[in-house]
Amino acid sequence: MKLLITGALRSYTGAAEVELDLGAGATLAAMFDALESRYPGLRFRVVDEQQRLRPNLRLFVDGVGVRDLAHGLRRDAAVALVLALSGG
C-alpha cells in the first residue's frame, strides 16, 4: 500500500510517501503499528491513548474519509494522512 504523508508528519518519515507491505486482511491499526516500528513516535501523533484518531487528523483511504482503525486495507490501497494545523 502507498501512504501519503503531509505537512508536519513528514518530520518523522523524511519523505512525502511511504510504501508498506502489510499483507492480506490488514487494517489501519496494523498500518500504524508498522509505521511505529519504522518511524518511532509517529503513531502517538495520530492515535490517542484510547486508540482513536486524534481530532486534528484526517485520514483518507482511496479518497474516502475514514476514522475507524479497524477499517480494512487492500494491498494496493492509497492512504493519505493529513494533519490539520490549529492555533490562534
N, C-alpha and C. Protein backbone atom coordinates (compact mmCIF):
# COMPACT_ATOMS: atom_id res chain seq x y z
N MET A 1 0.83 -1.16 0.00
CA MET A 1 0.00 0.00 0.00
C MET A 1 0.88 1.24 0.00
N LYS A 2 0.32 2.31 -0.46
CA LYS A 2 1.04 3.57 -0.55
C LYS A 2 0.44 4.56 0.44
N LEU A 3 1.30 5.20 1.22
CA LEU A 3 0.87 6.15 2.23
C LEU A 3 1.45 7.52 1.92
N LEU A 4 0.56 8.49 1.73
CA LEU A 4 0.96 9.88 1.52
C LEU A 4 0.98 10.58 2.88
N ILE A 5 2.09 11.22 3.19
CA ILE A 5 2.24 11.89 4.47
C ILE A 5 2.40 13.38 4.20
N THR A 6 1.50 14.16 4.78
CA THR A 6 1.52 15.61 4.51
C THR A 6 2.06 16.38 5.70
N GLY A 7 2.51 17.57 5.44
CA GLY A 7 2.85 18.56 6.46
C GLY A 7 3.83 18.12 7.51
N ALA A 8 3.52 18.45 8.75
CA ALA A 8 4.42 18.25 9.89
C ALA A 8 4.76 16.78 10.15
N LEU A 9 3.93 15.86 9.73
CA LEU A 9 4.21 14.44 9.96
C LEU A 9 5.41 13.95 9.15
N ARG A 10 5.78 14.68 8.12
CA ARG A 10 6.95 14.30 7.32
C ARG A 10 8.24 14.36 8.14
N SER A 11 8.23 15.11 9.22
CA SER A 11 9.44 15.17 10.04
C SER A 11 9.76 13.80 10.64
N TYR A 12 8.78 12.92 10.75
CA TYR A 12 9.01 11.57 11.26
C TYR A 12 9.55 10.64 10.17
N THR A 13 9.06 10.78 8.96
CA THR A 13 9.43 9.85 7.88
C THR A 13 10.55 10.36 6.99
N GLY A 14 10.67 11.68 6.90
CA GLY A 14 11.65 12.25 5.99
C GLY A 14 11.24 12.13 4.54
N ALA A 15 10.01 11.71 4.29
CA ALA A 15 9.52 11.52 2.92
C ALA A 15 8.04 11.83 2.86
N ALA A 16 7.59 12.24 1.68
CA ALA A 16 6.17 12.54 1.48
C ALA A 16 5.35 11.28 1.21
N GLU A 17 6.03 10.20 0.85
CA GLU A 17 5.33 8.97 0.51
C GLU A 17 6.09 7.77 1.06
N VAL A 18 5.35 6.82 1.62
CA VAL A 18 5.93 5.62 2.20
C VAL A 18 5.20 4.41 1.61
N GLU A 19 5.95 3.38 1.26
CA GLU A 19 5.37 2.12 0.79
C GLU A 19 5.40 1.12 1.94
N LEU A 20 4.27 0.44 2.16
CA LEU A 20 4.18 -0.59 3.19
C LEU A 20 3.59 -1.86 2.58
N ASP A 21 4.12 -3.00 2.95
CA ASP A 21 3.56 -4.28 2.53
C ASP A 21 2.99 -4.94 3.78
N LEU A 22 1.68 -4.81 3.97
CA LEU A 22 1.04 -5.27 5.19
C LEU A 22 0.42 -6.65 5.07
N GLY A 23 0.28 -7.15 3.87
CA GLY A 23 -0.33 -8.45 3.69
C GLY A 23 -1.85 -8.39 3.66
N ALA A 24 -2.45 -9.53 3.40
CA ALA A 24 -3.90 -9.62 3.27
C ALA A 24 -4.57 -9.41 4.63
N GLY A 25 -5.73 -8.78 4.61
CA GLY A 25 -6.52 -8.58 5.81
C GLY A 25 -6.02 -7.50 6.75
N ALA A 26 -5.11 -6.66 6.28
CA ALA A 26 -4.56 -5.60 7.13
C ALA A 26 -5.61 -4.54 7.42
N THR A 27 -5.42 -3.85 8.52
CA THR A 27 -6.30 -2.76 8.93
C THR A 27 -5.47 -1.49 9.11
N LEU A 28 -6.16 -0.39 9.33
CA LEU A 28 -5.45 0.85 9.62
C LEU A 28 -4.64 0.71 10.91
N ALA A 29 -5.15 -0.01 11.89
CA ALA A 29 -4.41 -0.22 13.13
C ALA A 29 -3.09 -0.93 12.84
N ALA A 30 -3.11 -1.95 11.98
CA ALA A 30 -1.88 -2.66 11.61
C ALA A 30 -0.93 -1.73 10.85
N MET A 31 -1.49 -0.84 10.03
CA MET A 31 -0.67 0.12 9.31
C MET A 31 0.07 1.01 10.30
N PHE A 32 -0.63 1.52 11.32
CA PHE A 32 0.01 2.39 12.30
C PHE A 32 1.04 1.64 13.14
N ASP A 33 0.80 0.37 13.42
CA ASP A 33 1.79 -0.44 14.13
C ASP A 33 3.06 -0.57 13.29
N ALA A 34 2.90 -0.84 12.00
CA ALA A 34 4.06 -0.96 11.10
C ALA A 34 4.80 0.37 10.99
N LEU A 35 4.05 1.45 10.93
CA LEU A 35 4.69 2.77 10.86
C LEU A 35 5.48 3.06 12.14
N GLU A 36 4.93 2.69 13.28
CA GLU A 36 5.60 2.95 14.55
C GLU A 36 6.94 2.20 14.63
N SER A 37 6.98 0.99 14.09
CA SER A 37 8.23 0.24 14.15
C SER A 37 9.30 0.87 13.25
N ARG A 38 8.88 1.49 12.16
CA ARG A 38 9.83 2.16 11.25
C ARG A 38 10.12 3.59 11.64
N TYR A 39 9.11 4.27 12.16
CA TYR A 39 9.22 5.71 12.48
C TYR A 39 8.69 5.95 13.89
N PRO A 40 9.50 5.65 14.91
CA PRO A 40 9.04 5.79 16.30
C PRO A 40 8.50 7.20 16.59
N GLY A 41 7.36 7.21 17.27
CA GLY A 41 6.72 8.47 17.66
C GLY A 41 5.61 8.91 16.73
N LEU A 42 5.58 8.40 15.52
CA LEU A 42 4.55 8.81 14.55
C LEU A 42 3.16 8.39 15.00
N ARG A 43 3.02 7.16 15.46
CA ARG A 43 1.70 6.65 15.86
C ARG A 43 1.09 7.53 16.95
N PHE A 44 1.89 7.92 17.94
CA PHE A 44 1.37 8.73 19.04
C PHE A 44 0.86 10.08 18.54
N ARG A 45 1.41 10.59 17.47
CA ARG A 45 0.96 11.88 16.91
C ARG A 45 -0.43 11.77 16.29
N VAL A 46 -0.83 10.56 15.88
CA VAL A 46 -2.10 10.43 15.17
C VAL A 46 -3.13 9.57 15.89
N VAL A 47 -2.70 8.73 16.83
CA VAL A 47 -3.62 7.85 17.56
C VAL A 47 -3.48 8.15 19.05
N ASP A 48 -4.62 8.40 19.72
CA ASP A 48 -4.56 8.75 21.14
C ASP A 48 -4.52 7.51 22.04
N GLU A 49 -4.55 7.74 23.35
CA GLU A 49 -4.45 6.67 24.34
C GLU A 49 -5.66 5.74 24.34
N GLN A 50 -6.78 6.20 23.80
CA GLN A 50 -7.99 5.38 23.70
C GLN A 50 -8.07 4.66 22.34
N GLN A 51 -6.96 4.67 21.60
CA GLN A 51 -6.87 4.01 20.30
C GLN A 51 -7.85 4.61 19.28
N ARG A 52 -7.99 5.93 19.33
CA ARG A 52 -8.81 6.66 18.36
C ARG A 52 -7.93 7.67 17.64
N LEU A 53 -8.32 7.99 16.42
CA LEU A 53 -7.59 9.02 15.69
C LEU A 53 -7.75 10.35 16.41
N ARG A 54 -6.68 11.10 16.47
CA ARG A 54 -6.74 12.42 17.11
C ARG A 54 -7.65 13.33 16.29
N PRO A 55 -8.35 14.28 16.95
CA PRO A 55 -9.32 15.13 16.26
C PRO A 55 -8.72 15.99 15.14
N ASN A 56 -7.45 16.34 15.25
CA ASN A 56 -6.85 17.20 14.22
C ASN A 56 -6.27 16.43 13.05
N LEU A 57 -6.53 15.13 12.99
CA LEU A 57 -6.03 14.31 11.90
C LEU A 57 -7.16 13.91 10.96
N ARG A 58 -6.89 13.97 9.70
CA ARG A 58 -7.82 13.45 8.68
C ARG A 58 -7.11 12.32 7.96
N LEU A 59 -7.84 11.22 7.78
CA LEU A 59 -7.29 10.03 7.15
C LEU A 59 -8.19 9.65 5.99
N PHE A 60 -7.60 9.47 4.82
CA PHE A 60 -8.35 9.12 3.62
C PHE A 60 -7.81 7.81 3.06
N VAL A 61 -8.71 6.88 2.79
CA VAL A 61 -8.35 5.61 2.17
C VAL A 61 -9.01 5.59 0.81
N ASP A 62 -8.19 5.57 -0.24
CA ASP A 62 -8.69 5.61 -1.61
C ASP A 62 -9.67 6.76 -1.82
N GLY A 63 -9.35 7.91 -1.22
CA GLY A 63 -10.13 9.13 -1.40
C GLY A 63 -11.34 9.28 -0.49
N VAL A 64 -11.58 8.31 0.37
CA VAL A 64 -12.75 8.35 1.26
C VAL A 64 -12.29 8.58 2.69
N GLY A 65 -12.88 9.55 3.38
CA GLY A 65 -12.53 9.84 4.76
C GLY A 65 -12.89 8.68 5.67
N VAL A 66 -11.96 8.30 6.54
CA VAL A 66 -12.14 7.16 7.44
C VAL A 66 -11.67 7.56 8.84
N ARG A 67 -12.35 7.10 9.89
CA ARG A 67 -11.93 7.39 11.27
C ARG A 67 -11.79 6.10 12.09
N ASP A 68 -12.20 4.97 11.56
CA ASP A 68 -12.19 3.70 12.29
C ASP A 68 -10.89 2.94 12.02
N LEU A 69 -10.11 2.68 13.08
CA LEU A 69 -8.83 1.98 12.91
C LEU A 69 -9.01 0.51 12.51
N ALA A 70 -10.23 -0.02 12.63
CA ALA A 70 -10.49 -1.39 12.20
C ALA A 70 -10.78 -1.47 10.70
N HIS A 71 -10.79 -0.32 10.03
CA HIS A 71 -11.05 -0.28 8.59
C HIS A 71 -10.02 -1.13 7.85
N GLY A 72 -10.50 -2.01 6.98
CA GLY A 72 -9.62 -2.89 6.22
C GLY A 72 -8.93 -2.17 5.07
N LEU A 73 -7.76 -2.69 4.71
CA LEU A 73 -6.97 -2.11 3.62
C LEU A 73 -6.65 -3.16 2.56
N ARG A 74 -6.79 -2.77 1.31
CA ARG A 74 -6.33 -3.62 0.22
C ARG A 74 -4.82 -3.49 0.09
N ARG A 75 -4.18 -4.44 -0.53
CA ARG A 75 -2.71 -4.38 -0.72
C ARG A 75 -2.31 -3.16 -1.54
N ASP A 76 -3.19 -2.73 -2.46
CA ASP A 76 -2.86 -1.59 -3.33
C ASP A 76 -3.56 -0.30 -2.90
N ALA A 77 -3.99 -0.24 -1.66
CA ALA A 77 -4.69 0.94 -1.16
C ALA A 77 -3.80 2.17 -1.17
N ALA A 78 -4.43 3.31 -1.36
CA ALA A 78 -3.75 4.61 -1.26
C ALA A 78 -4.32 5.31 -0.03
N VAL A 79 -3.45 5.57 0.94
CA VAL A 79 -3.86 6.19 2.19
C VAL A 79 -3.18 7.54 2.32
N ALA A 80 -3.92 8.54 2.77
CA ALA A 80 -3.35 9.88 2.98
C ALA A 80 -3.59 10.31 4.42
N LEU A 81 -2.52 10.72 5.10
CA LEU A 81 -2.59 11.28 6.45
C LEU A 81 -2.47 12.78 6.32
N VAL A 82 -3.48 13.49 6.80
CA VAL A 82 -3.47 14.95 6.70
C VAL A 82 -3.64 15.50 8.11
N LEU A 83 -2.64 16.22 8.58
CA LEU A 83 -2.68 16.83 9.90
C LEU A 83 -3.14 18.27 9.75
N ALA A 84 -4.29 18.58 10.37
CA ALA A 84 -4.82 19.94 10.32
C ALA A 84 -4.08 20.78 11.35
N LEU A 85 -3.65 21.95 10.95
CA LEU A 85 -2.99 22.86 11.88
C LEU A 85 -4.04 23.68 12.60
N SER A 86 -3.77 23.96 13.87
CA SER A 86 -4.71 24.75 14.65
C SER A 86 -3.93 25.72 15.53
N GLY A 87 -4.63 26.62 16.08
CA GLY A 87 -3.99 27.61 16.94
C GLY A 87 -4.59 28.98 16.71
N GLY A 88 -4.03 29.95 17.34
CA GLY A 88 -4.63 31.25 17.15
C GLY A 88 -3.75 32.38 17.54
